[in-house]
């Protein structure tokens, strides 16, 4: 009975159409982030260095960050499987996994089985927002190999913090729409979230190329400011209301 259905990505719109909803009713309004709160300028070099030191990450090491629910859909397990391949190319990389979920024990077991306990830092807990933002600031790249993601707010948060992002881009993936993977506006890479080798390849590519990392980080922040702010969400939602009223 709705006049209009608003959803958060074109991937989700297509999914709704496949489920039988009327395509003519569906509009896409992306989610947003608070770009002032999620800003790379919020923390000093000393604050970032202090957090990295607390985590056990040295000045000469790279910090790969995953934040999300620890379940099959989010793909932290596949990222762990990618770590030996990443380390074969970038031996000074460390992976930080933040989240809770039903994969906690399995992830611990895999880290031990693969012999990478000294290269993976597990934080099985919810972080307060301020702490979470500081984790983004301290990271070098963020990796979200989701297999199903209507939008993916963590990706937008990481991009707002000026971080290059590597994201799952198969099936229903709103993150595929957030991240430009090539060209002058590139802000990261799309990967097959089912393939640890594909994840490893593009993570290593970013870690080995300082200039590419800097470029992707700058472009990520710029893209959020242009497309994924709450002001933009409000503006676009008001347009939907105006359409219905008229």
Protein backbone atom coordinates (compact mmCIF):
# COMPACT_ATOMS: atom_id res chain seq x y z
CA UNK A 1 0.00 0.00 0.00
CA UNK A 2 3.01 2.36 0.21
CA UNK A 3 3.35 5.16 -2.32
CA UNK A 4 7.14 4.84 -2.26
CA UNK A 5 9.62 2.36 -0.79
CA UNK A 6 13.02 3.78 0.19
CA UNK A 7 16.00 1.45 0.39
CA UNK A 8 19.71 2.01 1.02
CA UNK A 9 21.39 0.80 -2.20
CA UNK A 10 20.70 -0.21 -5.79
CA UNK A 11 21.81 -3.72 -4.84
CA UNK A 12 18.98 -3.83 -2.29
CA UNK A 13 16.54 -2.31 -4.79
CA UNK A 14 17.31 -5.10 -7.25
CA UNK A 15 16.85 -7.65 -4.46
CA UNK A 16 13.42 -6.21 -3.62
CA UNK A 17 12.42 -6.39 -7.28
CA UNK A 18 13.46 -10.05 -7.38
CA UNK A 19 11.29 -10.62 -4.31
CA UNK A 20 8.31 -9.26 -6.24
CA UNK A 21 8.07 -5.64 -5.16
CA UNK A 22 7.03 -3.02 -7.72
CA UNK A 23 10.18 -1.48 -9.18
CA UNK A 24 8.35 1.78 -9.98
CA UNK A 25 7.79 2.40 -6.26
CA UNK A 26 11.37 1.86 -5.12
CA UNK A 27 13.80 4.75 -4.54
CA UNK A 28 17.39 4.57 -3.33
CA UNK A 29 18.67 6.87 -0.60
CA UNK A 30 22.11 5.89 0.66
CA UNK A 31 22.89 5.87 4.37
CA UNK A 32 25.29 8.44 5.74
CA UNK A 33 27.87 9.21 8.41
CA UNK A 34 28.64 12.25 10.53
CA UNK A 35 31.67 13.51 8.60
CA UNK A 36 32.72 15.86 11.41
CA UNK A 37 32.70 13.12 14.03
CA UNK A 38 34.33 10.67 11.60
CA UNK A 39 37.20 12.89 10.53
CA UNK A 40 40.91 12.05 10.16
CA UNK A 41 41.78 15.40 11.75
CA UNK A 42 40.29 14.48 15.13
CA UNK A 43 43.29 12.67 16.56
CA UNK A 44 46.89 13.75 16.94
CA UNK A 45 49.81 11.70 15.74
CA UNK A 46 50.66 11.03 19.40
CA UNK A 47 47.16 9.68 20.17
CA UNK A 48 47.27 7.35 17.19
CA UNK A 49 50.78 6.17 18.07
CA UNK A 50 49.64 5.49 21.64
CA UNK A 51 46.73 3.29 20.52
CA UNK A 52 48.91 1.38 18.06
CA UNK A 53 51.44 0.82 20.83
CA UNK A 54 48.68 -0.48 23.16
CA UNK A 55 47.66 -2.93 20.42
CA UNK A 56 51.26 -4.04 19.93
CA UNK A 57 51.70 -2.51 16.48
CA UNK A 58 55.05 -0.86 15.82
CA UNK A 59 55.86 2.22 13.76
CA UNK A 60 57.28 -0.01 11.03
CA UNK A 61 54.21 -2.27 10.88
CA UNK A 62 50.97 -2.06 8.92
CA UNK A 63 47.59 -2.28 10.67
CA UNK A 64 44.79 -4.00 8.74
CA UNK A 65 41.43 -3.40 10.44
CA UNK A 66 38.20 -5.42 10.34
CA UNK A 67 35.19 -4.24 12.35
CA UNK A 68 31.88 -6.11 12.22
CA UNK A 69 29.76 -8.98 13.43
CA UNK A 70 31.67 -12.22 13.53
CA UNK A 71 29.44 -14.40 11.39
CA UNK A 72 29.67 -16.07 8.00
CA UNK A 73 28.07 -13.15 6.15
CA UNK A 74 30.72 -10.62 7.23
CA UNK A 75 33.72 -12.71 6.13
CA UNK A 76 36.24 -12.20 8.94
CA UNK A 77 37.05 -15.91 8.72
CA UNK A 78 38.03 -15.62 5.06
CA UNK A 79 40.18 -12.60 5.88
CA UNK A 80 42.01 -14.69 8.50
CA UNK A 81 42.58 -17.38 5.86
CA UNK A 82 44.09 -14.69 3.62
CA UNK A 83 46.64 -13.58 6.23
CA UNK A 84 49.39 -16.16 5.49
CA UNK A 85 49.35 -15.07 1.84
CA UNK A 86 49.38 -11.39 2.84
CA UNK A 87 52.30 -12.02 5.22
CA UNK A 88 54.27 -13.82 2.51
CA UNK A 89 54.34 -10.48 0.63
CA UNK A 90 54.09 -8.03 3.53
CA UNK A 91 55.62 -9.73 6.59
CA UNK A 92 55.27 -6.61 8.77
CA UNK A 93 51.44 -6.56 8.52
CA UNK A 94 49.15 -7.16 11.48
CA UNK A 95 45.40 -7.81 11.38
CA UNK A 96 43.09 -6.38 14.06
CA UNK A 97 39.64 -7.99 14.26
CA UNK A 98 36.99 -6.18 16.31
CA UNK A 99 33.53 -7.63 16.92
CA UNK A 100 31.42 -10.32 18.52
CA UNK A 101 29.51 -13.25 17.09
CA UNK A 102 29.24 -16.99 16.66
CA UNK A 103 32.59 -17.27 14.84
CA UNK A 104 34.73 -16.20 17.79
CA UNK A 105 35.99 -19.67 18.74
CA UNK A 106 36.40 -20.73 15.13
CA UNK A 107 38.45 -17.62 14.33
CA UNK A 108 40.67 -18.21 17.38
CA UNK A 109 41.18 -21.81 16.26
CA UNK A 110 42.04 -20.77 12.68
CA UNK A 111 44.54 -18.15 13.86
CA UNK A 112 46.24 -20.83 15.98
CA UNK A 113 46.07 -23.48 13.24
CA UNK A 114 47.64 -21.16 10.69
CA UNK A 115 50.46 -20.22 13.09
CA UNK A 116 49.76 -16.47 12.92
CA UNK A 117 48.88 -15.69 16.56
CA UNK A 118 51.64 -13.08 16.69
CA UNK A 119 50.20 -11.30 13.60
CA UNK A 120 46.49 -11.23 14.48
CA UNK A 121 44.99 -9.18 17.33
CA UNK A 122 41.51 -10.30 18.39
CA UNK A 123 39.16 -7.88 20.19
CA UNK A 124 35.96 -9.82 20.77
CA UNK A 125 33.89 -6.97 22.19
CA UNK A 126 31.79 -3.94 21.31
CA UNK A 127 33.88 -0.78 21.30
CA UNK A 128 32.44 2.58 22.39
CA UNK A 129 32.02 4.81 19.33
CA UNK A 130 34.88 7.15 20.26
CA UNK A 131 37.25 4.19 20.64
CA UNK A 132 36.03 2.69 17.38
CA UNK A 133 36.72 5.94 15.54
CA UNK A 134 40.24 5.96 16.98
CA UNK A 135 40.78 2.40 15.70
CA UNK A 136 39.88 3.60 12.21
CA UNK A 137 42.34 6.49 12.62
CA UNK A 138 45.12 4.13 13.73
CA UNK A 139 44.67 1.70 10.83
CA UNK A 140 46.46 1.73 7.48
CA UNK A 141 43.69 0.01 5.52
CA UNK A 142 40.26 -1.42 6.34
CA UNK A 143 38.97 -4.71 4.92
CA UNK A 144 35.29 -5.77 4.88
CA UNK A 145 34.89 -8.98 2.84
CA UNK A 146 31.11 -9.22 3.31
CA UNK A 147 29.14 -11.76 1.30
CA UNK A 148 25.82 -9.92 1.81
CA UNK A 149 25.64 -6.22 2.66
CA UNK A 150 22.65 -3.98 1.87
CA UNK A 151 24.78 -0.87 2.57
CA UNK A 152 27.71 -1.38 4.98
CA UNK A 153 28.03 1.53 7.39
CA UNK A 154 31.51 0.46 8.57
CA UNK A 155 32.79 1.00 5.04
CA UNK A 156 31.41 4.55 4.95
CA UNK A 157 32.87 5.22 8.42
CA UNK A 158 36.32 4.00 7.36
CA UNK A 159 36.16 6.06 4.17
CA UNK A 160 35.16 9.15 6.16
CA UNK A 161 38.32 8.60 8.22
CA UNK A 162 40.36 8.74 5.01
CA UNK A 163 41.16 5.03 4.86
CA UNK A 164 41.54 2.87 1.74
CA UNK A 165 38.99 0.05 1.79
CA UNK A 166 38.91 -3.48 0.37
CA UNK A 167 35.33 -4.74 0.17
CA UNK A 168 33.30 -7.77 -0.85
CA UNK A 169 31.58 -7.08 -4.16
CA UNK A 170 29.66 -10.24 -5.06
CA UNK A 171 25.90 -10.68 -4.87
CA UNK A 172 24.00 -8.08 -2.84
CA UNK A 173 26.68 -5.53 -1.97
CA UNK A 174 25.97 -1.91 -1.17
CA UNK A 175 29.69 -1.51 -0.48
CA UNK A 176 30.36 -2.13 -4.16
CA UNK A 177 28.47 1.13 -4.80
CA UNK A 178 30.42 3.04 -2.16
CA UNK A 179 33.92 2.05 -3.29
CA UNK A 180 35.30 3.19 -6.64
CA UNK A 181 37.89 0.51 -7.55
CA UNK A 182 39.74 2.12 -10.49
CA UNK A 183 40.58 5.44 -12.12
CA UNK A 184 41.36 8.90 -10.76
CA UNK A 185 38.66 8.67 -8.03
CA UNK A 186 39.74 5.22 -6.80
CA UNK A 187 39.25 4.72 -3.06
CA UNK A 188 39.95 0.99 -2.70
CA UNK A 189 39.32 -2.39 -4.29
CA UNK A 190 36.45 -4.80 -4.91
CA UNK A 191 37.18 -8.44 -4.08
CA UNK A 192 35.52 -11.84 -4.25
CA UNK A 193 34.63 -12.39 -0.57
CA UNK A 194 34.61 -16.16 -1.02
CA UNK A 195 38.25 -16.24 -2.22
CA UNK A 196 41.04 -15.68 0.33
CA UNK A 197 43.60 -15.42 -2.48
CA UNK A 198 41.69 -12.53 -4.05
CA UNK A 199 41.49 -10.76 -0.68
CA UNK A 200 45.24 -11.27 -0.09
CA UNK A 201 46.17 -10.00 -3.53
CA UNK A 202 44.49 -6.63 -3.17
CA UNK A 203 45.34 -6.09 0.50
CA UNK A 204 49.02 -6.69 -0.31
CA UNK A 205 48.79 -4.40 -3.34
CA UNK A 206 47.61 -1.53 -1.14
CA UNK A 207 50.13 -2.17 1.63
CA UNK A 208 53.06 -2.30 -0.80
CA UNK A 209 52.17 0.99 -2.55
CA UNK A 210 52.36 4.05 -0.28
CA UNK A 211 51.20 6.48 -2.96
CA UNK A 212 48.20 4.32 -3.92
CA UNK A 213 47.21 4.10 -0.24
CA UNK A 214 47.40 7.86 0.17
CA UNK A 215 45.44 8.47 -3.03
CA UNK A 216 42.70 6.00 -2.09
CA UNK A 217 42.45 7.50 1.40
CA UNK A 218 42.06 11.05 0.07
CA UNK A 219 39.47 9.93 -2.48
CA UNK A 220 37.56 7.92 0.15
CA UNK A 221 37.10 10.98 2.36
CA UNK A 222 36.15 13.11 -0.65
CA UNK A 223 33.54 10.58 -1.77
CA UNK A 224 31.90 10.52 1.66
CA UNK A 225 31.71 14.31 1.75
CA UNK A 226 30.06 14.31 -1.68
CA UNK A 227 27.68 11.36 -1.29
CA UNK A 228 27.38 9.81 2.18
CA UNK A 229 26.67 12.60 4.69
CA UNK A 230 23.50 12.83 6.82
CA UNK A 231 22.77 16.20 5.20
CA UNK A 232 22.68 14.43 1.84
CA UNK A 233 20.46 11.66 3.28
CA UNK A 234 18.01 14.26 4.64
CA UNK A 235 17.98 16.20 1.38
CA UNK A 236 17.32 13.07 -0.70
CA UNK A 237 14.64 11.80 1.70
CA UNK A 238 12.83 15.15 1.58
CA UNK A 239 12.79 14.85 -2.22
CA UNK A 240 10.95 11.53 -1.84
CA UNK A 241 8.34 13.14 0.43
CA UNK A 242 7.93 16.03 -2.05
CA UNK A 243 7.43 13.52 -4.87
CA UNK A 244 4.64 11.76 -2.96
CA UNK A 245 2.95 15.03 -1.93
CA UNK A 246 2.97 16.40 -5.47
